[in-house]
Amino acid sequence: MNAFTQTILPLFNQTRSEWLSEARKAAYLLAITRGWKGSPPELTTDDIHKHCPLPDGIDPRVMGAVFRTNQWRKVGYINSTRATCHNRPIAIFQLV
């Protein structure tokens, strides 16, 4: 584990638990809205940024914490569509 996983994510869970809870709810509702269409719905952090932006001053790397529950599994990678990410690969998460 790196310092980000050991220190920053747990601190984020403690200090921004209300935002994290709302973002997780938004992710679930967005996935359900997209429907199953033969396979479970998939989302990325780009989807969350659109529907539930991070509070000011928060490191955007914590956005992945939204998907750190047993409701989601990582199924692949895609290039981000956000200009600030410069096409960097981001994880695709699937609703379990």
N, C-alpha and C. Protein backbone atom coordinates (compact mmCIF):
# COMPACT_ATOMS: atom_id res chain seq x y z
N MET A 1 0.83 -1.19 0.00
CA MET A 1 0.00 0.00 0.00
C MET A 1 0.87 1.25 0.00
N ASN A 2 0.41 2.26 -0.69
CA ASN A 2 1.15 3.51 -0.71
C ASN A 2 0.57 4.50 0.30
N ALA A 3 1.23 5.64 0.45
CA ALA A 3 0.81 6.65 1.42
C ALA A 3 -0.59 7.17 1.11
N PHE A 4 -0.90 7.28 -0.18
CA PHE A 4 -2.22 7.77 -0.56
C PHE A 4 -3.30 6.85 -0.03
N THR A 5 -3.13 5.56 -0.22
CA THR A 5 -4.12 4.57 0.23
C THR A 5 -4.15 4.46 1.75
N GLN A 6 -3.00 4.55 2.37
CA GLN A 6 -2.92 4.38 3.82
C GLN A 6 -3.33 5.63 4.60
N THR A 7 -3.08 6.81 4.04
CA THR A 7 -3.30 8.04 4.80
C THR A 7 -4.42 8.91 4.25
N ILE A 8 -4.33 9.24 2.98
CA ILE A 8 -5.25 10.22 2.41
C ILE A 8 -6.68 9.68 2.29
N LEU A 9 -6.84 8.47 1.76
CA LEU A 9 -8.20 7.94 1.62
C LEU A 9 -8.92 7.76 2.96
N PRO A 10 -8.27 7.20 3.98
CA PRO A 10 -8.96 7.10 5.27
C PRO A 10 -9.33 8.47 5.85
N LEU A 11 -8.44 9.45 5.68
CA LEU A 11 -8.74 10.80 6.16
C LEU A 11 -9.91 11.39 5.40
N PHE A 12 -9.94 11.16 4.08
CA PHE A 12 -11.05 11.63 3.27
C PHE A 12 -12.36 10.99 3.72
N ASN A 13 -12.33 9.70 4.01
CA ASN A 13 -13.53 9.01 4.50
C ASN A 13 -14.03 9.62 5.79
N GLN A 14 -13.13 10.07 6.64
CA GLN A 14 -13.53 10.66 7.92
C GLN A 14 -14.02 12.09 7.77
N THR A 15 -13.29 12.90 7.00
CA THR A 15 -13.60 14.33 6.95
C THR A 15 -14.66 14.70 5.93
N ARG A 16 -14.84 13.89 4.92
CA ARG A 16 -15.81 14.18 3.86
C ARG A 16 -16.82 13.06 3.69
N SER A 17 -17.17 12.41 4.78
CA SER A 17 -18.07 11.26 4.71
C SER A 17 -19.44 11.63 4.13
N GLU A 18 -19.90 12.85 4.41
CA GLU A 18 -21.20 13.26 3.89
C GLU A 18 -21.17 13.36 2.36
N TRP A 19 -20.12 14.00 1.83
CA TRP A 19 -19.99 14.10 0.37
C TRP A 19 -19.83 12.71 -0.23
N LEU A 20 -19.01 11.88 0.39
CA LEU A 20 -18.76 10.53 -0.12
C LEU A 20 -20.05 9.72 -0.17
N SER A 21 -20.86 9.84 0.85
CA SER A 21 -22.14 9.13 0.88
C SER A 21 -23.05 9.61 -0.25
N GLU A 22 -23.10 10.91 -0.47
CA GLU A 22 -23.93 11.47 -1.55
C GLU A 22 -23.41 11.04 -2.92
N ALA A 23 -22.09 11.03 -3.08
CA ALA A 23 -21.51 10.62 -4.36
C ALA A 23 -21.78 9.14 -4.64
N ARG A 24 -21.70 8.32 -3.60
CA ARG A 24 -22.00 6.89 -3.78
C ARG A 24 -23.46 6.68 -4.14
N LYS A 25 -24.33 7.44 -3.53
CA LYS A 25 -25.75 7.36 -3.86
C LYS A 25 -25.98 7.80 -5.31
N ALA A 26 -25.33 8.88 -5.71
CA ALA A 26 -25.46 9.37 -7.09
C ALA A 26 -24.94 8.33 -8.08
N ALA A 27 -23.83 7.68 -7.77
CA ALA A 27 -23.27 6.65 -8.66
C ALA A 27 -24.24 5.49 -8.81
N TYR A 28 -24.80 5.04 -7.71
CA TYR A 28 -25.75 3.93 -7.76
C TYR A 28 -26.98 4.30 -8.59
N LEU A 29 -27.53 5.48 -8.33
CA LEU A 29 -28.72 5.91 -9.06
C LEU A 29 -28.42 6.10 -10.54
N LEU A 30 -27.26 6.63 -10.86
CA LEU A 30 -26.87 6.78 -12.26
C LEU A 30 -26.75 5.43 -12.95
N ALA A 31 -26.16 4.48 -12.26
CA ALA A 31 -26.02 3.13 -12.83
C ALA A 31 -27.39 2.50 -13.06
N ILE A 32 -28.27 2.62 -12.08
CA ILE A 32 -29.62 2.05 -12.22
C ILE A 32 -30.37 2.71 -13.36
N THR A 33 -30.19 4.02 -13.50
CA THR A 33 -30.85 4.76 -14.58
C THR A 33 -30.38 4.28 -15.94
N ARG A 34 -29.11 3.92 -16.04
CA ARG A 34 -28.56 3.42 -17.31
C ARG A 34 -29.09 2.03 -17.64
N GLY A 35 -29.54 1.31 -16.62
CA GLY A 35 -30.11 -0.01 -16.84
C GLY A 35 -29.07 -1.07 -17.12
N TRP A 36 -29.53 -2.32 -17.20
CA TRP A 36 -28.62 -3.46 -17.35
C TRP A 36 -28.34 -3.80 -18.79
N LYS A 37 -29.27 -3.69 -19.68
CA LYS A 37 -29.09 -3.91 -21.12
C LYS A 37 -28.15 -5.08 -21.44
N GLY A 38 -28.33 -6.19 -20.79
CA GLY A 38 -27.54 -7.37 -21.07
C GLY A 38 -26.32 -7.54 -20.18
N SER A 39 -25.78 -6.47 -19.63
CA SER A 39 -24.65 -6.57 -18.70
C SER A 39 -24.79 -5.47 -17.64
N PRO A 40 -24.16 -5.64 -16.50
CA PRO A 40 -24.27 -4.64 -15.44
C PRO A 40 -23.79 -3.27 -15.88
N PRO A 41 -24.40 -2.19 -15.39
CA PRO A 41 -23.99 -0.83 -15.75
C PRO A 41 -22.55 -0.54 -15.35
N GLU A 42 -21.89 0.27 -16.16
CA GLU A 42 -20.51 0.67 -15.90
C GLU A 42 -20.42 2.19 -15.75
N LEU A 43 -19.55 2.61 -14.84
CA LEU A 43 -19.31 4.04 -14.61
C LEU A 43 -17.82 4.29 -14.45
N THR A 44 -17.43 5.54 -14.61
CA THR A 44 -16.07 5.96 -14.32
C THR A 44 -16.13 7.19 -13.41
N THR A 45 -14.98 7.61 -12.96
CA THR A 45 -14.94 8.82 -12.15
C THR A 45 -15.36 10.04 -12.96
N ASP A 46 -15.20 10.01 -14.28
CA ASP A 46 -15.69 11.11 -15.11
C ASP A 46 -17.20 11.29 -14.92
N ASP A 47 -17.94 10.18 -14.84
CA ASP A 47 -19.39 10.26 -14.62
C ASP A 47 -19.70 10.92 -13.28
N ILE A 48 -18.94 10.58 -12.28
CA ILE A 48 -19.18 11.15 -10.94
C ILE A 48 -18.85 12.63 -10.93
N HIS A 49 -17.76 13.02 -11.58
CA HIS A 49 -17.41 14.45 -11.66
C HIS A 49 -18.56 15.26 -12.24
N LYS A 50 -19.25 14.73 -13.23
CA LYS A 50 -20.36 15.44 -13.87
C LYS A 50 -21.55 15.60 -12.93
N HIS A 51 -21.83 14.58 -12.13
CA HIS A 51 -23.05 14.57 -11.33
C HIS A 51 -22.84 14.96 -9.87
N CYS A 52 -21.63 14.88 -9.41
CA CYS A 52 -21.37 15.16 -8.00
C CYS A 52 -19.93 15.68 -7.86
N PRO A 53 -19.67 16.91 -8.29
CA PRO A 53 -18.30 17.42 -8.29
C PRO A 53 -17.69 17.45 -6.88
N LEU A 54 -16.38 17.33 -6.85
CA LEU A 54 -15.66 17.38 -5.57
C LEU A 54 -15.75 18.77 -4.95
N PRO A 55 -15.75 18.84 -3.62
CA PRO A 55 -15.67 20.15 -2.96
C PRO A 55 -14.34 20.83 -3.32
N ASP A 56 -14.30 22.13 -3.28
CA ASP A 56 -13.09 22.89 -3.58
C ASP A 56 -11.94 22.45 -2.69
N GLY A 57 -10.76 22.41 -3.28
CA GLY A 57 -9.55 22.12 -2.53
C GLY A 57 -9.29 20.65 -2.27
N ILE A 58 -10.10 19.76 -2.83
CA ILE A 58 -9.93 18.33 -2.60
C ILE A 58 -9.16 17.70 -3.76
N ASP A 59 -8.18 16.89 -3.43
CA ASP A 59 -7.37 16.19 -4.43
C ASP A 59 -8.28 15.27 -5.26
N PRO A 60 -8.33 15.44 -6.58
CA PRO A 60 -9.25 14.63 -7.39
C PRO A 60 -8.95 13.14 -7.39
N ARG A 61 -7.78 12.74 -6.93
CA ARG A 61 -7.47 11.30 -6.88
C ARG A 61 -8.39 10.55 -5.92
N VAL A 62 -9.02 11.25 -5.00
CA VAL A 62 -9.89 10.57 -4.04
C VAL A 62 -11.23 10.17 -4.66
N MET A 63 -11.49 10.63 -5.86
CA MET A 63 -12.77 10.31 -6.51
C MET A 63 -12.99 8.80 -6.60
N GLY A 64 -11.94 8.04 -6.74
CA GLY A 64 -12.07 6.59 -6.81
C GLY A 64 -12.63 5.97 -5.55
N ALA A 65 -12.58 6.70 -4.44
CA ALA A 65 -13.13 6.21 -3.18
C ALA A 65 -14.62 5.95 -3.28
N VAL A 66 -15.27 6.62 -4.21
CA VAL A 66 -16.71 6.42 -4.43
C VAL A 66 -16.99 4.94 -4.75
N PHE A 67 -16.07 4.32 -5.46
CA PHE A 67 -16.27 2.95 -5.91
C PHE A 67 -15.63 1.91 -4.99
N ARG A 68 -15.12 2.31 -3.85
CA ARG A 68 -14.48 1.37 -2.92
C ARG A 68 -15.51 0.78 -1.96
N THR A 69 -16.47 0.09 -2.53
CA THR A 69 -17.47 -0.64 -1.76
C THR A 69 -17.67 -1.99 -2.44
N ASN A 70 -18.39 -2.87 -1.78
CA ASN A 70 -18.62 -4.18 -2.40
C ASN A 70 -19.71 -4.13 -3.48
N GLN A 71 -20.27 -2.95 -3.76
CA GLN A 71 -21.25 -2.80 -4.83
C GLN A 71 -20.60 -2.70 -6.21
N TRP A 72 -19.31 -2.41 -6.25
CA TRP A 72 -18.61 -2.14 -7.50
C TRP A 72 -17.40 -3.03 -7.66
N ARG A 73 -17.07 -3.34 -8.91
CA ARG A 73 -15.82 -4.03 -9.20
C ARG A 73 -15.18 -3.36 -10.42
N LYS A 74 -13.85 -3.32 -10.41
CA LYS A 74 -13.11 -2.73 -11.51
C LYS A 74 -13.06 -3.74 -12.66
N VAL A 75 -13.44 -3.29 -13.87
CA VAL A 75 -13.50 -4.21 -15.00
C VAL A 75 -12.61 -3.80 -16.17
N GLY A 76 -11.94 -2.69 -16.05
CA GLY A 76 -11.08 -2.26 -17.15
C GLY A 76 -10.67 -0.82 -17.01
N TYR A 77 -10.16 -0.28 -18.10
CA TYR A 77 -9.70 1.11 -18.13
C TYR A 77 -10.13 1.76 -19.43
N ILE A 78 -10.29 3.08 -19.37
CA ILE A 78 -10.63 3.89 -20.53
C ILE A 78 -9.94 5.24 -20.34
N ASN A 79 -9.69 5.94 -21.41
CA ASN A 79 -9.09 7.27 -21.28
C ASN A 79 -10.14 8.26 -20.80
N SER A 80 -9.75 9.11 -19.89
CA SER A 80 -10.64 10.13 -19.35
C SER A 80 -11.04 11.11 -20.45
N THR A 81 -12.24 11.61 -20.37
CA THR A 81 -12.71 12.62 -21.31
C THR A 81 -12.58 14.03 -20.76
N ARG A 82 -12.16 14.14 -19.50
CA ARG A 82 -11.99 15.45 -18.87
C ARG A 82 -10.68 16.09 -19.34
N ALA A 83 -10.75 17.35 -19.76
CA ALA A 83 -9.57 18.04 -20.28
C ALA A 83 -8.44 18.09 -19.27
N THR A 84 -8.77 18.25 -18.00
CA THR A 84 -7.73 18.33 -16.97
C THR A 84 -6.99 17.02 -16.79
N CYS A 85 -7.54 15.93 -17.28
CA CYS A 85 -6.90 14.61 -17.14
C CYS A 85 -6.02 14.25 -18.33
N HIS A 86 -6.09 15.04 -19.42
CA HIS A 86 -5.23 14.84 -20.59
C HIS A 86 -5.26 13.40 -21.11
N ASN A 87 -6.46 12.82 -21.22
CA ASN A 87 -6.66 11.45 -21.72
C ASN A 87 -5.99 10.38 -20.87
N ARG A 88 -5.73 10.67 -19.62
CA ARG A 88 -5.12 9.68 -18.71
C ARG A 88 -6.08 8.51 -18.53
N PRO A 89 -5.56 7.29 -18.46
CA PRO A 89 -6.44 6.14 -18.24
C PRO A 89 -7.09 6.20 -16.85
N ILE A 90 -8.37 5.92 -16.81
CA ILE A 90 -9.12 5.82 -15.55
C ILE A 90 -9.85 4.48 -15.53
N ALA A 91 -10.16 4.02 -14.34
CA ALA A 91 -10.81 2.72 -14.19
C ALA A 91 -12.29 2.78 -14.58
N ILE A 92 -12.76 1.68 -15.09
CA ILE A 92 -14.19 1.48 -15.34
C ILE A 92 -14.68 0.55 -14.24
N PHE A 93 -15.76 0.96 -13.58
CA PHE A 93 -16.33 0.17 -12.51
C PHE A 93 -17.70 -0.33 -12.93
N GLN A 94 -18.00 -1.55 -12.56
CA GLN A 94 -19.26 -2.19 -12.90
C GLN A 94 -20.05 -2.45 -11.63
N LEU A 95 -21.33 -2.13 -11.68
CA LEU A 95 -22.22 -2.41 -10.56
C LEU A 95 -22.38 -3.92 -10.44
N VAL A 96 -22.18 -4.44 -9.24
CA VAL A 96 -22.25 -5.88 -9.02
C VAL A 96 -23.69 -6.28 -8.73
